[in-house]
N, C-alpha and C. Protein backbone atom coordinates (compact mmCIF):
# COMPACT_ATOMS: atom_id res chain seq x y z
N MET A 1 0.84 -1.19 0.00
CA MET A 1 0.00 0.00 0.00
C MET A 1 0.88 1.25 0.00
N ILE A 2 0.61 2.16 -0.89
CA ILE A 2 1.34 3.43 -0.93
C ILE A 2 0.61 4.40 -0.01
N PRO A 3 1.31 4.94 1.00
CA PRO A 3 0.64 5.86 1.92
C PRO A 3 0.22 7.15 1.22
N LYS A 4 -0.82 7.77 1.73
CA LYS A 4 -1.29 9.05 1.22
C LYS A 4 -0.74 10.14 2.13
N TYR A 5 0.37 10.70 1.71
CA TYR A 5 0.97 11.80 2.47
C TYR A 5 0.29 13.10 2.06
N TYR A 6 0.30 14.08 2.93
CA TYR A 6 -0.28 15.36 2.60
C TYR A 6 0.46 16.48 3.32
N ALA A 7 0.13 17.69 3.00
CA ALA A 7 0.60 18.91 3.63
C ALA A 7 2.02 19.31 3.23
N TYR A 8 3.04 18.58 3.60
CA TYR A 8 4.42 18.96 3.34
C TYR A 8 5.15 17.81 2.66
N PRO A 9 6.20 18.13 1.92
CA PRO A 9 6.96 17.06 1.26
C PRO A 9 7.54 16.08 2.27
N VAL A 10 7.59 14.82 1.88
CA VAL A 10 8.17 13.80 2.74
C VAL A 10 9.69 13.97 2.75
N GLU A 11 10.32 13.38 3.75
CA GLU A 11 11.79 13.34 3.82
C GLU A 11 12.21 11.88 3.81
N SER A 12 13.29 11.62 3.12
CA SER A 12 13.84 10.27 3.08
C SER A 12 15.20 10.29 3.75
N HIS A 13 15.47 9.29 4.60
CA HIS A 13 16.72 9.22 5.35
C HIS A 13 17.30 7.82 5.26
N LEU A 14 18.55 7.73 4.85
CA LEU A 14 19.26 6.47 4.85
C LEU A 14 20.08 6.42 6.13
N LEU A 15 19.72 5.52 7.03
CA LEU A 15 20.39 5.39 8.32
C LEU A 15 20.94 3.98 8.44
N LYS A 16 21.67 3.72 9.51
CA LYS A 16 22.27 2.39 9.65
C LYS A 16 21.22 1.28 9.74
N GLY A 17 19.99 1.63 10.09
CA GLY A 17 18.92 0.63 10.17
C GLY A 17 18.16 0.47 8.87
N GLY A 18 18.52 1.25 7.83
CA GLY A 18 17.83 1.14 6.55
C GLY A 18 17.41 2.49 6.02
N ASP A 19 16.54 2.47 5.04
CA ASP A 19 16.01 3.67 4.41
C ASP A 19 14.63 3.93 5.01
N PHE A 20 14.40 5.17 5.43
CA PHE A 20 13.14 5.52 6.07
C PHE A 20 12.54 6.76 5.43
N VAL A 21 11.21 6.80 5.39
CA VAL A 21 10.49 7.95 4.85
C VAL A 21 9.64 8.54 5.96
N LEU A 22 9.75 9.87 6.13
CA LEU A 22 8.97 10.60 7.12
C LEU A 22 7.93 11.43 6.39
N GLY A 23 6.73 11.46 6.92
CA GLY A 23 5.67 12.24 6.29
C GLY A 23 4.53 12.50 7.26
N ILE A 24 3.55 13.21 6.78
CA ILE A 24 2.33 13.45 7.55
C ILE A 24 1.22 12.64 6.88
N GLU A 25 0.53 11.86 7.68
CA GLU A 25 -0.56 11.03 7.15
C GLU A 25 -1.81 11.25 7.99
N LYS A 26 -2.93 10.95 7.41
CA LYS A 26 -4.21 11.05 8.11
C LYS A 26 -4.58 9.69 8.67
N ILE A 27 -5.04 9.68 9.90
CA ILE A 27 -5.42 8.42 10.55
C ILE A 27 -6.50 7.70 9.76
N GLU A 28 -7.44 8.43 9.18
CA GLU A 28 -8.51 7.75 8.43
C GLU A 28 -7.96 6.96 7.25
N ASN A 29 -6.75 7.28 6.78
CA ASN A 29 -6.14 6.55 5.67
C ASN A 29 -5.25 5.40 6.13
N MET A 30 -4.98 5.31 7.43
CA MET A 30 -4.04 4.29 7.91
C MET A 30 -4.40 3.77 9.30
N GLN A 31 -5.66 3.84 9.65
CA GLN A 31 -6.10 3.50 11.00
C GLN A 31 -5.71 2.09 11.43
N LEU A 32 -5.96 1.09 10.60
CA LEU A 32 -5.63 -0.28 10.99
C LEU A 32 -4.14 -0.45 11.19
N GLU A 33 -3.36 0.22 10.36
CA GLU A 33 -1.91 0.11 10.44
C GLU A 33 -1.37 0.77 11.71
N ILE A 34 -1.83 1.98 11.99
CA ILE A 34 -1.31 2.69 13.17
C ILE A 34 -1.87 2.08 14.45
N GLN A 35 -3.04 1.47 14.38
CA GLN A 35 -3.64 0.86 15.56
C GLN A 35 -2.72 -0.22 16.14
N GLU A 36 -2.08 -0.97 15.29
CA GLU A 36 -1.14 -2.00 15.76
C GLU A 36 0.00 -1.38 16.55
N LEU A 37 0.54 -0.26 16.06
CA LEU A 37 1.61 0.43 16.77
C LEU A 37 1.10 1.10 18.04
N HIS A 38 -0.11 1.67 17.97
CA HIS A 38 -0.71 2.27 19.17
C HIS A 38 -0.82 1.23 20.29
N GLU A 39 -1.24 0.02 19.91
CA GLU A 39 -1.40 -1.03 20.92
C GLU A 39 -0.05 -1.43 21.51
N GLN A 40 0.97 -1.56 20.68
CA GLN A 40 2.31 -1.87 21.19
C GLN A 40 2.77 -0.79 22.17
N HIS A 41 2.55 0.47 21.79
CA HIS A 41 2.94 1.59 22.65
C HIS A 41 2.18 1.55 23.98
N TYR A 42 0.89 1.31 23.90
CA TYR A 42 0.05 1.25 25.10
C TYR A 42 0.54 0.15 26.05
N GLN A 43 0.83 -1.02 25.50
CA GLN A 43 1.29 -2.14 26.33
C GLN A 43 2.65 -1.84 26.96
N GLU A 44 3.47 -1.07 26.27
CA GLU A 44 4.81 -0.75 26.77
C GLU A 44 4.80 0.29 27.89
N THR A 45 3.85 1.21 27.86
CA THR A 45 3.89 2.31 28.84
C THR A 45 2.62 2.47 29.65
N GLU A 46 1.47 2.46 29.03
CA GLU A 46 0.24 2.84 29.73
C GLU A 46 -0.26 1.81 30.73
N THR A 47 -0.08 0.54 30.47
CA THR A 47 -0.65 -0.47 31.35
C THR A 47 0.01 -0.47 32.72
N LEU A 48 1.15 0.19 32.86
CA LEU A 48 1.81 0.22 34.16
C LEU A 48 1.13 1.16 35.15
N TYR A 49 0.34 2.10 34.66
CA TYR A 49 -0.35 2.99 35.58
C TYR A 49 -1.86 3.10 35.31
N MET A 50 -2.34 2.47 34.27
CA MET A 50 -3.77 2.53 33.97
C MET A 50 -4.36 1.13 34.01
N SER A 51 -5.56 1.02 34.53
CA SER A 51 -6.21 -0.28 34.56
C SER A 51 -7.23 -0.43 33.43
N GLU A 52 -7.43 0.63 32.66
CA GLU A 52 -8.39 0.59 31.57
C GLU A 52 -7.79 -0.11 30.36
N PRO A 53 -8.61 -0.82 29.59
CA PRO A 53 -8.10 -1.51 28.40
C PRO A 53 -7.79 -0.53 27.27
N PHE A 54 -7.01 -0.98 26.32
CA PHE A 54 -6.67 -0.24 25.13
C PHE A 54 -7.95 0.01 24.33
N ASP A 55 -8.29 1.26 24.08
CA ASP A 55 -9.52 1.60 23.36
C ASP A 55 -9.42 3.04 22.83
N PRO A 56 -8.57 3.28 21.81
CA PRO A 56 -8.39 4.64 21.29
C PRO A 56 -9.67 5.20 20.67
N ASP A 57 -9.81 6.51 20.75
CA ASP A 57 -10.97 7.20 20.19
C ASP A 57 -10.61 7.71 18.79
N TYR A 58 -10.58 6.79 17.82
CA TYR A 58 -10.19 7.16 16.46
C TYR A 58 -11.10 8.20 15.82
N PRO A 59 -12.43 8.15 16.04
CA PRO A 59 -13.25 9.23 15.48
C PRO A 59 -12.84 10.61 16.00
N ARG A 60 -12.43 10.67 17.24
CA ARG A 60 -11.98 11.96 17.80
C ARG A 60 -10.65 12.40 17.19
N TYR A 61 -9.72 11.45 17.00
CA TYR A 61 -8.47 11.78 16.32
C TYR A 61 -8.76 12.33 14.92
N ILE A 62 -9.64 11.66 14.20
CA ILE A 62 -9.97 12.06 12.83
C ILE A 62 -10.62 13.44 12.82
N ALA A 63 -11.53 13.68 13.76
CA ALA A 63 -12.17 14.99 13.85
C ALA A 63 -11.12 16.07 14.14
N GLY A 64 -10.15 15.76 15.00
CA GLY A 64 -9.08 16.71 15.28
C GLY A 64 -8.25 17.01 14.05
N GLU A 65 -7.97 15.98 13.25
CA GLU A 65 -7.25 16.21 12.00
C GLU A 65 -8.03 17.14 11.08
N LYS A 66 -9.33 16.92 11.01
CA LYS A 66 -10.17 17.73 10.11
C LYS A 66 -10.28 19.18 10.56
N ASN A 67 -10.25 19.42 11.88
CA ASN A 67 -10.36 20.81 12.33
C ASN A 67 -9.00 21.44 12.64
N GLY A 68 -7.93 20.74 12.33
CA GLY A 68 -6.58 21.31 12.45
C GLY A 68 -5.99 21.29 13.84
N THR A 69 -6.55 20.47 14.74
CA THR A 69 -6.03 20.42 16.11
C THR A 69 -5.27 19.15 16.42
N PHE A 70 -5.04 18.31 15.42
CA PHE A 70 -4.31 17.07 15.64
C PHE A 70 -3.56 16.72 14.36
N VAL A 71 -2.31 16.28 14.51
CA VAL A 71 -1.51 15.92 13.35
C VAL A 71 -0.64 14.71 13.69
N VAL A 72 -0.47 13.82 12.70
CA VAL A 72 0.34 12.61 12.89
C VAL A 72 1.48 12.60 11.87
N PHE A 73 2.70 12.54 12.38
CA PHE A 73 3.90 12.36 11.56
C PHE A 73 4.24 10.88 11.63
N THR A 74 4.49 10.28 10.47
CA THR A 74 4.77 8.85 10.44
C THR A 74 6.16 8.57 9.90
N CYS A 75 6.62 7.38 10.23
CA CYS A 75 7.90 6.89 9.74
C CYS A 75 7.66 5.51 9.15
N ARG A 76 8.12 5.33 7.92
CA ARG A 76 7.97 4.05 7.24
C ARG A 76 9.33 3.56 6.77
N ASP A 77 9.50 2.24 6.77
CA ASP A 77 10.75 1.67 6.28
C ASP A 77 10.70 1.54 4.76
N ALA A 78 11.75 0.99 4.19
CA ALA A 78 11.86 0.89 2.72
C ALA A 78 10.76 0.04 2.10
N THR A 79 10.16 -0.85 2.87
CA THR A 79 9.07 -1.68 2.34
C THR A 79 7.72 -0.98 2.43
N GLY A 80 7.68 0.18 3.09
CA GLY A 80 6.42 0.90 3.27
C GLY A 80 5.74 0.60 4.59
N LYS A 81 6.33 -0.27 5.39
CA LYS A 81 5.74 -0.62 6.68
C LYS A 81 5.96 0.52 7.67
N MET A 82 4.88 0.87 8.39
CA MET A 82 4.99 1.90 9.41
C MET A 82 5.78 1.37 10.59
N VAL A 83 6.82 2.11 10.99
CA VAL A 83 7.67 1.69 12.10
C VAL A 83 7.69 2.72 13.23
N GLY A 84 6.94 3.81 13.07
CA GLY A 84 6.89 4.80 14.12
C GLY A 84 5.97 5.95 13.80
N TYR A 85 5.69 6.74 14.83
CA TYR A 85 4.85 7.92 14.66
C TYR A 85 5.15 8.93 15.75
N LEU A 86 4.76 10.15 15.48
CA LEU A 86 4.85 11.25 16.43
C LEU A 86 3.58 12.06 16.26
N GLN A 87 2.74 12.09 17.28
CA GLN A 87 1.42 12.72 17.21
C GLN A 87 1.40 13.97 18.08
N TYR A 88 0.74 15.01 17.59
CA TYR A 88 0.65 16.27 18.32
C TYR A 88 -0.78 16.80 18.35
N TYR A 89 -1.11 17.45 19.46
CA TYR A 89 -2.29 18.30 19.55
C TYR A 89 -1.80 19.71 19.23
N VAL A 90 -2.54 20.43 18.41
CA VAL A 90 -2.19 21.80 18.03
C VAL A 90 -3.30 22.69 18.57
N TYR A 91 -2.90 23.74 19.28
CA TYR A 91 -3.90 24.58 19.95
C TYR A 91 -3.38 25.98 20.20
N ARG A 92 -4.29 26.89 20.38
CA ARG A 92 -3.96 28.26 20.79
C ARG A 92 -3.81 28.27 22.31
N SER A 93 -2.80 28.98 22.76
CA SER A 93 -2.55 29.07 24.20
C SER A 93 -3.72 29.73 24.90
N MET A 94 -4.10 29.18 26.04
CA MET A 94 -5.16 29.79 26.85
C MET A 94 -4.63 31.03 27.58
N HIS A 95 -3.31 31.16 27.67
CA HIS A 95 -2.70 32.26 28.40
C HIS A 95 -2.28 33.41 27.48
N SER A 96 -2.10 33.12 26.22
CA SER A 96 -1.72 34.13 25.24
C SER A 96 -2.28 33.67 23.89
N ARG A 97 -3.45 34.16 23.55
CA ARG A 97 -4.21 33.67 22.40
C ARG A 97 -3.46 33.75 21.07
N LYS A 98 -2.45 34.59 20.98
CA LYS A 98 -1.72 34.71 19.72
C LYS A 98 -0.75 33.55 19.51
N LEU A 99 -0.45 32.80 20.56
CA LEU A 99 0.52 31.71 20.45
C LEU A 99 -0.15 30.41 20.02
N LEU A 100 0.33 29.87 18.90
CA LEU A 100 -0.11 28.56 18.46
C LEU A 100 0.95 27.57 18.93
N GLN A 101 0.50 26.56 19.64
CA GLN A 101 1.42 25.60 20.23
C GLN A 101 1.09 24.18 19.78
N ALA A 102 2.07 23.31 19.95
CA ALA A 102 1.86 21.89 19.69
C ALA A 102 2.36 21.12 20.90
N ARG A 103 1.57 20.18 21.32
CA ARG A 103 1.95 19.33 22.45
C ARG A 103 1.89 17.87 22.00
N GLU A 104 2.99 17.19 22.21
CA GLU A 104 3.08 15.79 21.79
C GLU A 104 2.07 14.94 22.53
N ASP A 105 1.37 14.14 21.77
CA ASP A 105 0.44 13.16 22.33
C ASP A 105 1.17 11.84 22.52
N ALA A 106 1.96 11.45 21.53
CA ALA A 106 2.66 10.19 21.61
C ALA A 106 3.80 10.14 20.61
N LEU A 107 4.93 9.63 21.05
CA LEU A 107 6.08 9.34 20.21
C LEU A 107 6.37 7.86 20.39
N PHE A 108 6.43 7.14 19.28
CA PHE A 108 6.69 5.72 19.37
C PHE A 108 7.46 5.25 18.16
N LEU A 109 8.51 4.48 18.41
CA LEU A 109 9.25 3.77 17.38
C LEU A 109 9.27 2.31 17.78
N THR A 110 9.06 1.42 16.84
CA THR A 110 9.12 0.00 17.16
C THR A 110 10.53 -0.34 17.66
N LYS A 111 10.62 -1.35 18.48
CA LYS A 111 11.92 -1.72 19.06
C LYS A 111 12.95 -2.02 17.99
N SER A 112 12.52 -2.52 16.84
CA SER A 112 13.46 -2.90 15.77
C SER A 112 14.19 -1.71 15.16
N VAL A 113 13.65 -0.49 15.31
CA VAL A 113 14.31 0.67 14.71
C VAL A 113 14.84 1.67 15.74
N ARG A 114 14.75 1.34 17.00
CA ARG A 114 15.30 2.23 18.03
C ARG A 114 16.83 2.16 17.99
N GLY A 115 17.45 3.30 18.20
CA GLY A 115 18.90 3.35 18.27
C GLY A 115 19.60 3.52 16.94
N VAL A 116 18.86 3.74 15.85
CA VAL A 116 19.50 3.92 14.54
C VAL A 116 19.56 5.38 14.12
N GLY A 117 19.12 6.29 14.99
CA GLY A 117 19.15 7.71 14.67
C GLY A 117 17.87 8.24 14.05
N LEU A 118 16.82 7.46 14.14
CA LEU A 118 15.54 7.84 13.54
C LEU A 118 14.77 8.88 14.36
N ALA A 119 14.80 8.76 15.68
CA ALA A 119 14.03 9.68 16.53
C ALA A 119 14.41 11.14 16.31
N PRO A 120 15.71 11.49 16.26
CA PRO A 120 16.03 12.91 16.02
C PRO A 120 15.56 13.40 14.64
N LYS A 121 15.61 12.53 13.64
CA LYS A 121 15.16 12.92 12.30
C LYS A 121 13.65 13.17 12.30
N LEU A 122 12.90 12.27 12.94
CA LEU A 122 11.45 12.41 13.01
C LEU A 122 11.07 13.68 13.78
N LEU A 123 11.74 13.93 14.89
CA LEU A 123 11.44 15.11 15.70
C LEU A 123 11.76 16.39 14.93
N LYS A 124 12.90 16.46 14.27
CA LYS A 124 13.26 17.65 13.50
C LYS A 124 12.29 17.88 12.34
N TYR A 125 11.89 16.80 11.68
CA TYR A 125 10.91 16.92 10.60
C TYR A 125 9.60 17.50 11.14
N ALA A 126 9.13 16.95 12.26
CA ALA A 126 7.88 17.43 12.87
C ALA A 126 8.01 18.89 13.27
N GLU A 127 9.12 19.26 13.88
CA GLU A 127 9.32 20.66 14.29
C GLU A 127 9.26 21.59 13.08
N HIS A 128 9.92 21.20 12.00
CA HIS A 128 9.91 22.02 10.80
C HIS A 128 8.48 22.21 10.27
N CYS A 129 7.74 21.13 10.18
CA CYS A 129 6.36 21.21 9.68
C CYS A 129 5.48 22.02 10.63
N LEU A 130 5.62 21.81 11.93
CA LEU A 130 4.82 22.56 12.90
C LEU A 130 5.12 24.05 12.83
N ALA A 131 6.39 24.40 12.61
CA ALA A 131 6.75 25.81 12.44
C ALA A 131 6.07 26.38 11.19
N GLN A 132 6.01 25.59 10.13
CA GLN A 132 5.34 26.02 8.90
C GLN A 132 3.84 26.25 9.14
N LEU A 133 3.28 25.51 10.08
CA LEU A 133 1.87 25.69 10.42
C LEU A 133 1.64 26.92 11.29
N GLY A 134 2.73 27.51 11.79
CA GLY A 134 2.63 28.70 12.63
C GLY A 134 2.83 28.44 14.11
N CYS A 135 3.17 27.23 14.49
CA CYS A 135 3.42 26.94 15.90
C CYS A 135 4.69 27.66 16.37
N THR A 136 4.61 28.25 17.54
CA THR A 136 5.77 28.95 18.10
C THR A 136 6.43 28.15 19.21
N HIS A 137 5.73 27.21 19.78
CA HIS A 137 6.26 26.37 20.85
C HIS A 137 5.81 24.93 20.63
N VAL A 138 6.67 24.00 21.03
CA VAL A 138 6.32 22.59 20.94
C VAL A 138 6.73 21.93 22.25
N GLY A 139 5.86 21.08 22.77
CA GLY A 139 6.13 20.39 24.02
C GLY A 139 6.24 18.89 23.82
N MET A 140 7.14 18.29 24.55
CA MET A 140 7.36 16.83 24.51
C MET A 140 7.31 16.29 25.92
N SER A 141 7.02 14.99 26.03
CA SER A 141 6.99 14.35 27.35
C SER A 141 7.77 13.05 27.29
N SER A 142 8.03 12.50 28.47
CA SER A 142 8.74 11.22 28.56
C SER A 142 7.94 10.30 29.47
N LYS A 143 7.76 9.06 29.06
CA LYS A 143 7.06 8.07 29.86
C LYS A 143 8.04 7.17 30.61
N ALA A 144 9.25 7.64 30.82
CA ALA A 144 10.25 6.83 31.53
C ALA A 144 9.77 6.35 32.90
N PRO A 145 9.06 7.19 33.67
CA PRO A 145 8.63 6.71 34.98
C PRO A 145 7.68 5.52 34.94
N CYS A 146 7.03 5.28 33.79
CA CYS A 146 6.10 4.15 33.73
C CYS A 146 6.50 3.12 32.67
N GLY A 147 7.79 3.03 32.37
CA GLY A 147 8.26 1.95 31.51
C GLY A 147 8.75 2.32 30.14
N GLY A 148 8.47 3.54 29.68
CA GLY A 148 8.95 3.94 28.36
C GLY A 148 10.42 4.31 28.41
N PRO A 149 11.04 4.47 27.26
CA PRO A 149 12.44 4.89 27.24
C PRO A 149 12.61 6.27 27.89
N ASP A 150 13.71 6.47 28.58
CA ASP A 150 13.99 7.76 29.21
C ASP A 150 14.45 8.74 28.13
N LEU A 151 13.64 9.74 27.86
CA LEU A 151 13.92 10.70 26.80
C LEU A 151 14.59 11.98 27.28
N ASP A 152 14.90 12.08 28.56
CA ASP A 152 15.46 13.32 29.10
C ASP A 152 16.72 13.76 28.35
N GLY A 153 17.71 12.91 28.25
CA GLY A 153 18.95 13.27 27.56
C GLY A 153 18.72 13.58 26.10
N PHE A 154 17.90 12.78 25.44
CA PHE A 154 17.58 13.00 24.04
C PHE A 154 16.92 14.36 23.84
N LEU A 155 15.90 14.67 24.65
CA LEU A 155 15.20 15.93 24.49
C LEU A 155 16.11 17.12 24.80
N ARG A 156 16.96 17.01 25.79
CA ARG A 156 17.91 18.09 26.08
C ARG A 156 18.87 18.31 24.90
N ARG A 157 19.33 17.21 24.29
CA ARG A 157 20.22 17.34 23.11
C ARG A 157 19.49 18.00 21.94
N MET A 158 18.18 17.86 21.91
CA MET A 158 17.37 18.46 20.85
C MET A 158 16.90 19.87 21.24
N ASP A 159 17.51 20.43 22.28
CA ASP A 159 17.27 21.81 22.76
C ASP A 159 15.94 22.01 23.47
N TYR A 160 15.37 20.94 24.02
CA TYR A 160 14.18 21.07 24.86
C TYR A 160 14.64 21.29 26.30
N ALA A 161 13.85 22.04 27.04
CA ALA A 161 14.14 22.28 28.45
C ALA A 161 12.94 21.84 29.27
N PRO A 162 13.20 21.19 30.41
CA PRO A 162 12.07 20.80 31.26
C PRO A 162 11.40 22.04 31.87
N VAL A 163 10.08 22.05 31.84
CA VAL A 163 9.35 23.19 32.41
C VAL A 163 8.36 22.76 33.49
N ALA A 164 8.11 21.47 33.61
CA ALA A 164 7.17 20.98 34.62
C ALA A 164 7.37 19.48 34.79
N THR A 165 6.92 18.98 35.91
CA THR A 165 6.83 17.55 36.13
C THR A 165 5.36 17.24 36.32
N TYR A 166 4.86 16.28 35.60
CA TYR A 166 3.44 15.97 35.57
C TYR A 166 3.18 14.71 36.38
N TYR A 167 2.23 14.77 37.30
CA TYR A 167 1.89 13.64 38.14
C TYR A 167 0.46 13.20 37.85
N VAL A 168 0.18 11.94 38.05
CA VAL A 168 -1.16 11.40 37.83
C VAL A 168 -1.62 10.65 39.07
N LYS A 169 -2.87 10.82 39.42
CA LYS A 169 -3.49 10.08 40.51
C LYS A 169 -4.83 9.56 40.01
N LYS A 170 -5.08 8.30 40.22
CA LYS A 170 -6.36 7.74 39.83
C LYS A 170 -7.37 8.05 40.93
N LEU A 171 -8.50 8.59 40.54
CA LEU A 171 -9.54 8.95 41.49
C LEU A 171 -10.59 7.85 41.54
N GLY A 172 -11.27 7.80 42.64
CA GLY A 172 -12.35 6.82 42.77
C GLY A 172 -12.42 6.27 44.18
N ALA A 173 -13.53 5.63 44.49
CA ALA A 173 -13.78 5.12 45.83
C ALA A 173 -12.71 4.12 46.27
N ALA A 174 -12.22 3.31 45.35
CA ALA A 174 -11.23 2.30 45.72
C ALA A 174 -9.91 2.93 46.18
N ASN A 175 -9.64 4.16 45.74
CA ASN A 175 -8.40 4.81 46.11
C ASN A 175 -8.55 5.82 47.24
N ALA A 176 -9.78 6.08 47.63
CA ALA A 176 -10.00 7.07 48.69
C ALA A 176 -9.59 6.48 50.03
N GLN A 177 -8.79 7.21 50.74
CA GLN A 177 -8.38 6.78 52.07
C GLN A 177 -8.87 7.82 53.07
N VAL A 178 -9.90 7.44 53.78
CA VAL A 178 -10.48 8.36 54.76
C VAL A 178 -9.97 7.95 56.12
N GLU A 179 -9.42 8.91 56.79
CA GLU A 179 -8.88 8.65 58.12
C GLU A 179 -10.01 8.75 59.15
N ALA A 180 -10.07 7.79 60.05
CA ALA A 180 -11.09 7.81 61.11
C ALA A 180 -10.81 8.99 62.06
N PRO A 181 -11.86 9.65 62.53
CA PRO A 181 -11.65 10.77 63.47
C PRO A 181 -10.97 10.27 64.75
N LYS A 182 -10.08 11.07 65.26
CA LYS A 182 -9.38 10.73 66.50
C LYS A 182 -10.23 11.06 67.70
N ALA A 183 -10.16 10.17 68.68
CA ALA A 183 -10.92 10.40 69.91
C ALA A 183 -10.33 11.58 70.67
N ALA A 184 -11.22 12.37 71.26
CA ALA A 184 -10.78 13.56 72.00
C ALA A 184 -10.24 13.24 73.34
């Protein structure tokens, strides 16, 4: 299957792991293909802190693509097989309406292509395209605390700076700990 790229020209990179093509694709054109990678990513990172099953909201992703608030950058090997993606939410800042920003939803490369220099190429390609869209800031995250690769050194080498640490707590009756009142 030949992917349907859109928006910006694709980039081709010959790396030690092979020849790779980077582009922007629409989920509606590759949903079954990316779903397999989404599930691998979910099993690698999300199941360590979430008890909910894998169940992506593809109609919402597609709606975001149509209204310009979601974009997917893909990476394919020489055979055309998808081996990675970098997804972003694109939005106007709530604190300064003139700023268009992008926040990474997910970065994933299959284990077979990690360590060949593909991640920096994919990130630079995405940054270039996002800048063309008018984004002034881009945010990335790391799932190292819950099993994903530690991206701190990589992101710092790519000129990202940490600005916050994000914590998650699951809410609900099973997690509520109510202390009994102390006797007077």
